[in-house]
Protein backbone atom coordinates (compact mmCIF):
# COMPACT_ATOMS: atom_id res chain seq x y z
CA MET A 1 95.39 51.86 73.10
CA ALA A 2 92.58 49.20 72.56
CA LEU A 3 90.98 48.88 69.37
CA ALA A 4 87.07 49.95 69.35
CA ALA A 5 84.61 47.55 67.57
CA ASP A 6 81.38 48.25 65.46
CA ASN A 7 79.11 45.71 67.15
CA ASN A 8 75.87 47.12 65.17
CA PRO A 9 74.59 44.36 62.82
CA ARG A 10 75.18 45.66 58.93
CA ARG A 11 72.88 43.51 56.83
CA PHE A 12 73.06 43.18 53.43
CA GLN A 13 69.96 41.80 52.13
CA THR A 14 68.10 40.78 48.16
CA ALA A 15 65.47 39.76 47.30
CA ASN A 16 65.39 36.17 47.06
CA PRO A 17 61.83 34.86 48.55
CA TYR A 18 63.05 33.22 51.77
CA GLU A 19 64.48 35.80 53.20
CA LYS A 20 61.28 38.29 53.27
CA LEU A 21 59.32 34.68 54.19
CA PHE A 22 61.80 33.32 56.41
CA GLY A 23 62.95 36.40 57.89
CA TYR A 24 66.88 36.45 57.35
CA SER A 25 69.21 38.56 55.78
CA ARG A 26 72.06 37.47 53.00
CA ALA A 27 75.14 37.99 55.14
CA VAL A 28 75.31 40.13 58.15
CA ARG A 29 78.41 41.75 59.39
CA ARG A 30 79.30 42.52 62.92
CA GLY A 31 82.50 44.08 63.87
CA PRO A 32 85.45 42.90 60.79
CA TYR A 33 82.98 39.49 60.47
CA ILE A 34 80.34 38.43 57.45
CA ALA A 35 78.57 35.53 57.86
CA VAL A 36 76.32 34.71 54.52
CA SER A 37 73.49 32.82 54.96
CA GLY A 38 73.91 29.42 52.72
CA THR A 39 72.92 31.07 48.82
CA THR A 40 71.16 27.68 46.58
CA SER A 41 71.44 29.86 42.96
CA ILE A 42 68.26 31.80 43.42
CA ASP A 43 68.25 35.15 41.06
CA PRO A 44 68.18 38.33 43.69
CA VAL A 45 66.22 40.30 41.94
CA SER A 46 63.80 38.04 40.32
CA GLY A 47 63.81 34.81 43.00
CA ASP A 48 64.06 32.54 39.60
CA LEU A 49 65.39 29.41 40.31
CA ARG A 50 69.32 29.56 37.34
CA HIS A 51 70.94 26.80 35.76
CA PRO A 52 68.47 23.95 36.64
CA GLY A 53 70.28 20.40 36.20
CA SER A 54 73.48 22.13 36.25
CA ALA A 55 75.11 21.53 39.68
CA TYR A 56 78.62 24.12 38.84
CA ASP A 57 77.10 26.99 36.83
CA GLN A 58 74.26 27.00 39.84
CA ALA A 59 77.67 27.22 41.95
CA ARG A 60 79.58 28.95 39.43
CA ALA A 61 75.87 31.63 40.15
CA ILE A 62 76.00 31.39 44.06
CA PHE A 63 79.91 32.18 44.75
CA SER A 64 79.00 35.22 42.05
CA GLU A 65 76.19 35.87 44.70
CA ILE A 66 78.49 35.71 47.88
CA ILE A 67 80.97 37.67 47.10
CA ARG A 68 78.34 40.49 46.15
CA ALA A 69 76.79 39.78 49.54
CA VAL A 70 80.68 40.86 50.91
CA GLU A 71 81.41 43.07 48.51
CA GLY A 72 78.25 44.87 49.53
CA LEU A 73 79.27 44.80 53.18
CA GLY A 74 82.49 46.19 52.90
CA GLY A 75 84.13 43.00 52.00
CA SER A 76 85.79 41.66 49.24
CA ALA A 77 86.70 37.69 48.01
CA GLN A 78 90.35 38.23 50.58
CA ASP A 79 88.13 38.54 52.67
CA ILE A 80 86.57 34.54 52.30
CA MET A 81 88.62 32.47 55.09
CA ARG A 82 85.03 29.42 55.62
CA VAL A 83 82.82 27.77 52.72
CA ARG A 84 80.13 25.17 53.29
CA MET A 85 79.48 23.60 50.46
CA PHE A 86 76.09 20.90 50.37
CA VAL A 87 75.63 19.31 47.44
CA THR A 88 73.02 16.61 46.57
CA GLU A 89 74.51 13.88 44.11
CA GLY A 90 78.43 12.92 44.78
CA LYS A 91 78.62 12.94 40.84
CA ASP A 92 78.35 16.73 41.91
CA ALA A 93 80.58 17.41 43.99
CA ASP A 94 84.02 17.77 41.57
CA ASP A 95 82.03 20.57 38.99
CA VAL A 96 80.79 22.18 42.49
CA GLY A 97 85.12 22.40 43.94
CA ARG A 98 86.41 23.10 39.69
CA ALA A 99 83.96 25.97 40.33
CA LEU A 100 85.24 27.19 44.08
CA ARG A 101 88.45 27.56 42.51
CA GLY A 102 87.08 29.40 40.09
CA ALA A 103 85.49 31.85 42.00
CA LEU A 104 87.64 32.11 44.44
CA GLY A 105 91.77 30.78 42.28
CA ASP A 106 94.21 30.79 45.06
CA VAL A 107 92.44 32.95 47.54
CA GLY A 108 92.63 28.82 49.91
CA PRO A 109 89.35 28.90 52.14
CA ALA A 110 89.03 26.61 54.73
CA VAL A 111 86.76 24.19 52.39
CA THR A 112 83.89 21.70 54.30
CA MET A 113 81.86 19.92 51.42
CA ILE A 114 78.70 18.16 52.60
CA VAL A 115 77.17 15.04 49.62
CA GLY A 116 73.53 14.05 50.18
CA ALA A 117 71.86 17.34 51.01
CA ARG A 118 68.18 17.90 50.39
CA PHE A 119 67.63 21.55 49.05
CA VAL A 120 63.61 23.38 49.45
CA ALA A 121 63.09 22.72 45.85
CA SER A 122 64.06 19.61 43.77
CA GLU A 123 65.84 21.70 41.00
CA MET A 124 69.07 22.81 43.82
CA LEU A 125 71.87 21.42 43.54
CA VAL A 126 74.12 23.23 45.71
CA GLU A 127 73.88 25.31 48.56
CA ILE A 128 76.58 27.45 49.90
CA GLU A 129 77.41 29.62 52.64
CA ALA A 130 80.82 31.31 54.03
CA ASP A 131 82.25 33.52 56.57
CA ALA A 132 84.56 36.26 56.12
CA VAL A 133 87.45 38.62 57.87
CA VAL A 134 87.66 42.80 56.93
CA LEU A 135 90.65 43.85 58.61
CA VAL A 136 89.91 47.27 58.42
CA LEU A 137 93.97 49.05 59.59
CA THR A 138 93.10 52.86 61.41
CA ALA A 139 96.50 55.57 60.67
CA ASP A 140 96.99 54.29 64.08
CA MET A 141 97.59 50.78 63.16
CA LEU A 142 99.48 51.59 60.95
CA PHE A 143 102.21 54.20 62.25
CA ASN A 144 101.73 52.97 65.86
CA ALA A 145 104.45 49.91 67.04
CA GLU A 146 102.32 49.75 70.60
CA VAL A 147 99.14 48.25 68.96
CA ASN A 148 98.33 44.81 68.07
CA CYS A 149 95.87 44.56 65.23
CA TRP A 150 94.84 40.72 67.40
């Protein structure tokens, strides 16, 4: 039995002004895969930057937005498998790592942190992107031993 993948992308949009200006989505899901765009601490409703001067608080807000986008496309924080974090200053690396631990707990995604990044606004100290894989089990998968999920 073959499993059919949904090849029609689903998109998650926010009020972030850069999404409209540059023509991209906050996140896109195709089949079980969710890709979350580089996310800063811009408020998704007002478009204002939140927490200028605090990399930790910016990272916490960013992880909240990433999880919201993943959930908006049918996933959960547990489905996040890769995170890329871009930080302007090395002195903020520990704070951003602490925010990661606070947001994702024991999920344990693969992580990259790059220090020395520059963003479109000087008040932005952190940008984070993430990938998730949502495994959807069907009744056939659960009750038919001949079906291989992977």
